[in-house]
Amino acid sequence: MSRTADYLTELAEDAGIVAELEALTAYAAYVGNAKYAVATFEDAYCGQWDDLEDFAHDQLMETDAEYRAVRESCRGWRAFPDMTAWECDYTHTSGNYVFRSL
């Protein structure tokens, strides 16, 4: 392991975070600050998706009853969410991790 990974692992263990080290490392690289990454990781981490558009569709299916009803009743229908708006609130990093902007 590199010194940076060791440091990040030590910070995560001290904070009592149970997280995937790979996802935490991607988040730390994204925010540019290991201590901030450890402190905010659990609030920011949303999971893994192939791309941000897949994440957006999954979120809409879970939270928007109208979207879900249309999607389930219209076979083959696929909406095209405003990805610029989603990119303001979320980021998709290498390793296919999605993080919420805090």
N, C-alpha and C. Protein backbone atom coordinates (compact mmCIF):
# COMPACT_ATOMS: atom_id res chain seq x y z
N MET A 1 0.84 -1.18 0.00
CA MET A 1 0.00 0.00 0.00
C MET A 1 0.88 1.24 0.00
N SER A 2 0.40 2.30 -0.62
CA SER A 2 1.15 3.55 -0.65
C SER A 2 0.99 4.27 0.68
N ARG A 3 1.82 5.26 0.89
CA ARG A 3 1.73 6.02 2.14
C ARG A 3 0.39 6.74 2.23
N THR A 4 -0.11 7.23 1.08
CA THR A 4 -1.39 7.92 1.08
C THR A 4 -2.51 6.96 1.46
N ALA A 5 -2.49 5.76 0.90
CA ALA A 5 -3.51 4.76 1.22
C ALA A 5 -3.42 4.36 2.69
N ASP A 6 -2.21 4.21 3.20
CA ASP A 6 -2.03 3.88 4.61
C ASP A 6 -2.60 4.99 5.50
N TYR A 7 -2.31 6.23 5.14
CA TYR A 7 -2.80 7.38 5.90
C TYR A 7 -4.32 7.42 5.88
N LEU A 8 -4.89 7.23 4.70
CA LEU A 8 -6.34 7.25 4.55
C LEU A 8 -6.98 6.11 5.35
N THR A 9 -6.39 4.95 5.31
CA THR A 9 -6.89 3.80 6.07
C THR A 9 -6.85 4.09 7.56
N GLU A 10 -5.76 4.68 8.02
CA GLU A 10 -5.62 5.03 9.43
C GLU A 10 -6.68 6.04 9.86
N LEU A 11 -6.91 7.07 9.03
CA LEU A 11 -7.95 8.06 9.34
C LEU A 11 -9.33 7.41 9.41
N ALA A 12 -9.62 6.54 8.44
CA ALA A 12 -10.92 5.87 8.40
C ALA A 12 -11.13 4.99 9.63
N GLU A 13 -10.10 4.26 10.01
CA GLU A 13 -10.21 3.40 11.19
C GLU A 13 -10.41 4.23 12.45
N ASP A 14 -9.68 5.34 12.57
CA ASP A 14 -9.82 6.22 13.74
C ASP A 14 -11.22 6.80 13.83
N ALA A 15 -11.82 7.08 12.67
CA ALA A 15 -13.17 7.65 12.64
C ALA A 15 -14.26 6.59 12.78
N GLY A 16 -13.87 5.33 12.75
CA GLY A 16 -14.84 4.24 12.87
C GLY A 16 -15.68 4.03 11.63
N ILE A 17 -15.15 4.40 10.49
CA ILE A 17 -15.89 4.25 9.24
C ILE A 17 -15.73 2.83 8.74
N VAL A 18 -16.87 2.22 8.43
CA VAL A 18 -16.86 0.92 7.78
C VAL A 18 -17.20 1.21 6.33
N ALA A 19 -16.18 1.23 5.50
CA ALA A 19 -16.39 1.61 4.10
C ALA A 19 -15.43 0.85 3.22
N GLU A 20 -15.76 0.85 1.96
CA GLU A 20 -14.85 0.27 0.99
C GLU A 20 -13.67 1.22 0.84
N LEU A 21 -12.48 0.72 1.03
CA LEU A 21 -11.30 1.57 0.92
C LEU A 21 -11.17 2.14 -0.49
N GLU A 22 -11.51 1.35 -1.48
CA GLU A 22 -11.41 1.81 -2.86
C GLU A 22 -12.33 3.01 -3.12
N ALA A 23 -13.55 2.94 -2.63
CA ALA A 23 -14.51 4.05 -2.79
C ALA A 23 -14.04 5.27 -2.00
N LEU A 24 -13.55 5.05 -0.80
CA LEU A 24 -13.05 6.15 0.02
C LEU A 24 -11.85 6.81 -0.65
N THR A 25 -10.97 6.01 -1.24
CA THR A 25 -9.82 6.54 -1.95
C THR A 25 -10.26 7.38 -3.15
N ALA A 26 -11.25 6.92 -3.89
CA ALA A 26 -11.77 7.68 -5.03
C ALA A 26 -12.37 9.00 -4.55
N TYR A 27 -13.08 8.97 -3.43
CA TYR A 27 -13.68 10.18 -2.89
C TYR A 27 -12.61 11.16 -2.42
N ALA A 28 -11.59 10.65 -1.75
CA ALA A 28 -10.50 11.51 -1.29
C ALA A 28 -9.79 12.18 -2.47
N ALA A 29 -9.61 11.42 -3.55
CA ALA A 29 -8.99 12.00 -4.75
C ALA A 29 -9.88 13.08 -5.35
N TYR A 30 -11.19 12.86 -5.30
CA TYR A 30 -12.14 13.82 -5.85
C TYR A 30 -12.16 15.12 -5.04
N VAL A 31 -12.24 15.02 -3.71
CA VAL A 31 -12.35 16.22 -2.88
C VAL A 31 -10.99 16.84 -2.59
N GLY A 32 -9.92 16.05 -2.70
CA GLY A 32 -8.58 16.59 -2.53
C GLY A 32 -8.13 16.78 -1.09
N ASN A 33 -8.83 16.17 -0.13
CA ASN A 33 -8.47 16.33 1.27
C ASN A 33 -8.87 15.06 2.01
N ALA A 34 -7.88 14.33 2.52
CA ALA A 34 -8.15 13.04 3.16
C ALA A 34 -9.01 13.17 4.41
N LYS A 35 -8.72 14.15 5.25
CA LYS A 35 -9.50 14.30 6.49
C LYS A 35 -10.95 14.67 6.19
N TYR A 36 -11.16 15.56 5.24
CA TYR A 36 -12.52 15.93 4.84
C TYR A 36 -13.23 14.72 4.25
N ALA A 37 -12.53 13.95 3.43
CA ALA A 37 -13.12 12.77 2.79
C ALA A 37 -13.60 11.78 3.85
N VAL A 38 -12.80 11.53 4.85
CA VAL A 38 -13.18 10.59 5.91
C VAL A 38 -14.37 11.14 6.69
N ALA A 39 -14.36 12.43 6.97
CA ALA A 39 -15.44 13.04 7.76
C ALA A 39 -16.77 13.05 7.03
N THR A 40 -16.76 13.13 5.71
CA THR A 40 -18.01 13.29 4.95
C THR A 40 -18.36 12.08 4.08
N PHE A 41 -17.54 11.06 4.07
CA PHE A 41 -17.73 9.93 3.16
C PHE A 41 -19.11 9.29 3.28
N GLU A 42 -19.53 8.99 4.48
CA GLU A 42 -20.80 8.26 4.65
C GLU A 42 -22.00 9.08 4.16
N ASP A 43 -21.94 10.40 4.27
CA ASP A 43 -23.02 11.25 3.76
C ASP A 43 -22.96 11.38 2.25
N ALA A 44 -21.77 11.35 1.69
CA ALA A 44 -21.60 11.59 0.26
C ALA A 44 -21.74 10.33 -0.59
N TYR A 45 -21.35 9.19 -0.08
CA TYR A 45 -21.30 7.97 -0.88
C TYR A 45 -22.71 7.45 -1.20
N CYS A 46 -22.98 7.27 -2.48
CA CYS A 46 -24.29 6.78 -2.92
C CYS A 46 -24.24 5.35 -3.44
N GLY A 47 -23.08 4.86 -3.84
CA GLY A 47 -22.95 3.50 -4.35
C GLY A 47 -22.23 3.48 -5.67
N GLN A 48 -22.40 2.36 -6.38
CA GLN A 48 -21.73 2.16 -7.67
C GLN A 48 -22.75 1.99 -8.77
N TRP A 49 -22.59 2.73 -9.84
CA TRP A 49 -23.41 2.63 -11.05
C TRP A 49 -22.49 2.75 -12.25
N ASP A 50 -22.90 2.16 -13.37
CA ASP A 50 -22.08 2.24 -14.58
C ASP A 50 -21.88 3.67 -15.04
N ASP A 51 -22.91 4.49 -14.88
CA ASP A 51 -22.79 5.90 -15.22
C ASP A 51 -23.80 6.70 -14.42
N LEU A 52 -23.69 8.01 -14.47
CA LEU A 52 -24.55 8.87 -13.68
C LEU A 52 -26.00 8.81 -14.15
N GLU A 53 -26.21 8.57 -15.43
CA GLU A 53 -27.59 8.47 -15.94
C GLU A 53 -28.30 7.26 -15.35
N ASP A 54 -27.62 6.13 -15.22
CA ASP A 54 -28.23 4.95 -14.57
C ASP A 54 -28.60 5.26 -13.13
N PHE A 55 -27.72 5.97 -12.44
CA PHE A 55 -28.00 6.39 -11.06
C PHE A 55 -29.25 7.26 -11.02
N ALA A 56 -29.33 8.23 -11.94
CA ALA A 56 -30.48 9.14 -11.98
C ALA A 56 -31.78 8.36 -12.19
N HIS A 57 -31.77 7.42 -13.13
CA HIS A 57 -32.98 6.60 -13.37
C HIS A 57 -33.35 5.81 -12.12
N ASP A 58 -32.38 5.20 -11.46
CA ASP A 58 -32.68 4.43 -10.25
C ASP A 58 -33.26 5.33 -9.15
N GLN A 59 -32.69 6.52 -8.99
CA GLN A 59 -33.20 7.44 -7.97
C GLN A 59 -34.62 7.88 -8.29
N LEU A 60 -34.89 8.17 -9.56
CA LEU A 60 -36.23 8.56 -9.96
C LEU A 60 -37.24 7.43 -9.76
N MET A 61 -36.82 6.21 -10.04
CA MET A 61 -37.71 5.06 -9.83
C MET A 61 -38.06 4.90 -8.35
N GLU A 62 -37.12 5.22 -7.47
CA GLU A 62 -37.35 5.07 -6.03
C GLU A 62 -38.14 6.22 -5.43
N THR A 63 -38.01 7.41 -6.00
CA THR A 63 -38.56 8.59 -5.32
C THR A 63 -39.70 9.30 -6.04
N ASP A 64 -39.92 9.00 -7.30
CA ASP A 64 -40.93 9.74 -8.08
C ASP A 64 -42.00 8.77 -8.59
N ALA A 65 -43.16 8.79 -7.94
CA ALA A 65 -44.22 7.85 -8.27
C ALA A 65 -44.71 8.02 -9.71
N GLU A 66 -44.80 9.24 -10.19
CA GLU A 66 -45.25 9.49 -11.56
C GLU A 66 -44.26 8.92 -12.58
N TYR A 67 -42.99 9.16 -12.35
CA TYR A 67 -41.95 8.62 -13.22
C TYR A 67 -42.03 7.10 -13.24
N ARG A 68 -42.15 6.51 -12.05
CA ARG A 68 -42.21 5.05 -11.93
C ARG A 68 -43.43 4.48 -12.66
N ALA A 69 -44.58 5.13 -12.51
CA ALA A 69 -45.81 4.65 -13.15
C ALA A 69 -45.69 4.67 -14.67
N VAL A 70 -45.14 5.74 -15.21
CA VAL A 70 -44.98 5.84 -16.67
C VAL A 70 -43.96 4.82 -17.14
N ARG A 71 -42.89 4.69 -16.42
CA ARG A 71 -41.83 3.75 -16.80
C ARG A 71 -42.35 2.32 -16.80
N GLU A 72 -43.18 1.98 -15.82
CA GLU A 72 -43.70 0.62 -15.71
C GLU A 72 -44.84 0.34 -16.69
N SER A 73 -45.59 1.36 -17.09
CA SER A 73 -46.74 1.12 -17.96
C SER A 73 -46.41 1.28 -19.45
N CYS A 74 -45.37 1.99 -19.78
CA CYS A 74 -45.00 2.22 -21.19
C CYS A 74 -43.77 1.41 -21.53
N ARG A 75 -43.99 0.25 -22.05
CA ARG A 75 -42.90 -0.67 -22.37
C ARG A 75 -41.89 -0.02 -23.33
N GLY A 76 -40.64 -0.06 -22.96
CA GLY A 76 -39.58 0.48 -23.80
C GLY A 76 -39.36 1.97 -23.65
N TRP A 77 -40.20 2.65 -22.88
CA TRP A 77 -40.05 4.09 -22.70
C TRP A 77 -38.86 4.39 -21.81
N ARG A 78 -38.09 5.36 -22.20
CA ARG A 78 -36.95 5.77 -21.37
C ARG A 78 -36.87 7.28 -21.39
N ALA A 79 -36.91 7.86 -20.23
CA ALA A 79 -36.80 9.31 -20.10
C ALA A 79 -35.34 9.72 -20.25
N PHE A 80 -35.15 10.97 -20.51
CA PHE A 80 -33.80 11.52 -20.59
C PHE A 80 -33.69 12.65 -19.58
N PRO A 81 -33.28 12.31 -18.34
CA PRO A 81 -33.21 13.32 -17.29
C PRO A 81 -32.20 14.41 -17.66
N ASP A 82 -32.39 15.57 -17.08
CA ASP A 82 -31.48 16.69 -17.28
C ASP A 82 -30.17 16.37 -16.55
N MET A 83 -29.24 15.80 -17.28
CA MET A 83 -28.00 15.34 -16.65
C MET A 83 -27.14 16.51 -16.16
N THR A 84 -27.29 17.67 -16.75
CA THR A 84 -26.54 18.83 -16.25
C THR A 84 -26.97 19.14 -14.82
N ALA A 85 -28.25 19.04 -14.55
CA ALA A 85 -28.76 19.28 -13.19
C ALA A 85 -28.26 18.19 -12.24
N TRP A 86 -28.29 16.94 -12.68
CA TRP A 86 -27.80 15.85 -11.83
C TRP A 86 -26.32 16.02 -11.54
N GLU A 87 -25.55 16.47 -12.54
CA GLU A 87 -24.11 16.65 -12.36
C GLU A 87 -23.78 17.77 -11.38
N CYS A 88 -24.73 18.67 -11.15
CA CYS A 88 -24.52 19.72 -10.15
C CYS A 88 -24.57 19.15 -8.74
N ASP A 89 -25.34 18.08 -8.56
CA ASP A 89 -25.53 17.50 -7.22
C ASP A 89 -24.77 16.21 -6.97
N TYR A 90 -24.31 15.56 -8.04
CA TYR A 90 -23.63 14.27 -7.90
C TYR A 90 -22.43 14.22 -8.84
N THR A 91 -21.48 13.36 -8.49
CA THR A 91 -20.35 13.13 -9.38
C THR A 91 -20.14 11.63 -9.53
N HIS A 92 -19.68 11.24 -10.69
CA HIS A 92 -19.39 9.85 -11.02
C HIS A 92 -17.89 9.75 -11.23
N THR A 93 -17.21 8.94 -10.41
CA THR A 93 -15.75 8.88 -10.45
C THR A 93 -15.28 7.57 -11.08
N SER A 94 -13.97 7.48 -11.23
CA SER A 94 -13.40 6.22 -11.70
C SER A 94 -13.76 5.14 -10.69
N GLY A 95 -13.93 3.94 -11.16
CA GLY A 95 -14.40 2.87 -10.30
C GLY A 95 -15.91 2.83 -10.23
N ASN A 96 -16.57 3.74 -10.98
CA ASN A 96 -18.03 3.82 -11.06
C ASN A 96 -18.70 4.18 -9.75
N TYR A 97 -18.04 4.98 -8.92
CA TYR A 97 -18.61 5.42 -7.66
C TYR A 97 -19.38 6.71 -7.88
N VAL A 98 -20.52 6.84 -7.19
CA VAL A 98 -21.31 8.06 -7.25
C VAL A 98 -21.29 8.69 -5.87
N PHE A 99 -21.00 10.00 -5.86
CA PHE A 99 -20.95 10.76 -4.62
C PHE A 99 -21.85 11.98 -4.72
N ARG A 100 -22.55 12.25 -3.63
CA ARG A 100 -23.42 13.43 -3.52
C ARG A 100 -22.53 14.63 -3.17
N SER A 101 -22.82 15.77 -3.77
CA SER A 101 -22.10 16.99 -3.41
C SER A 101 -22.59 17.46 -2.05
N LEU A 102 -21.66 17.82 -1.21
CA LEU A 102 -22.03 18.29 0.14
C LEU A 102 -21.67 19.74 0.31
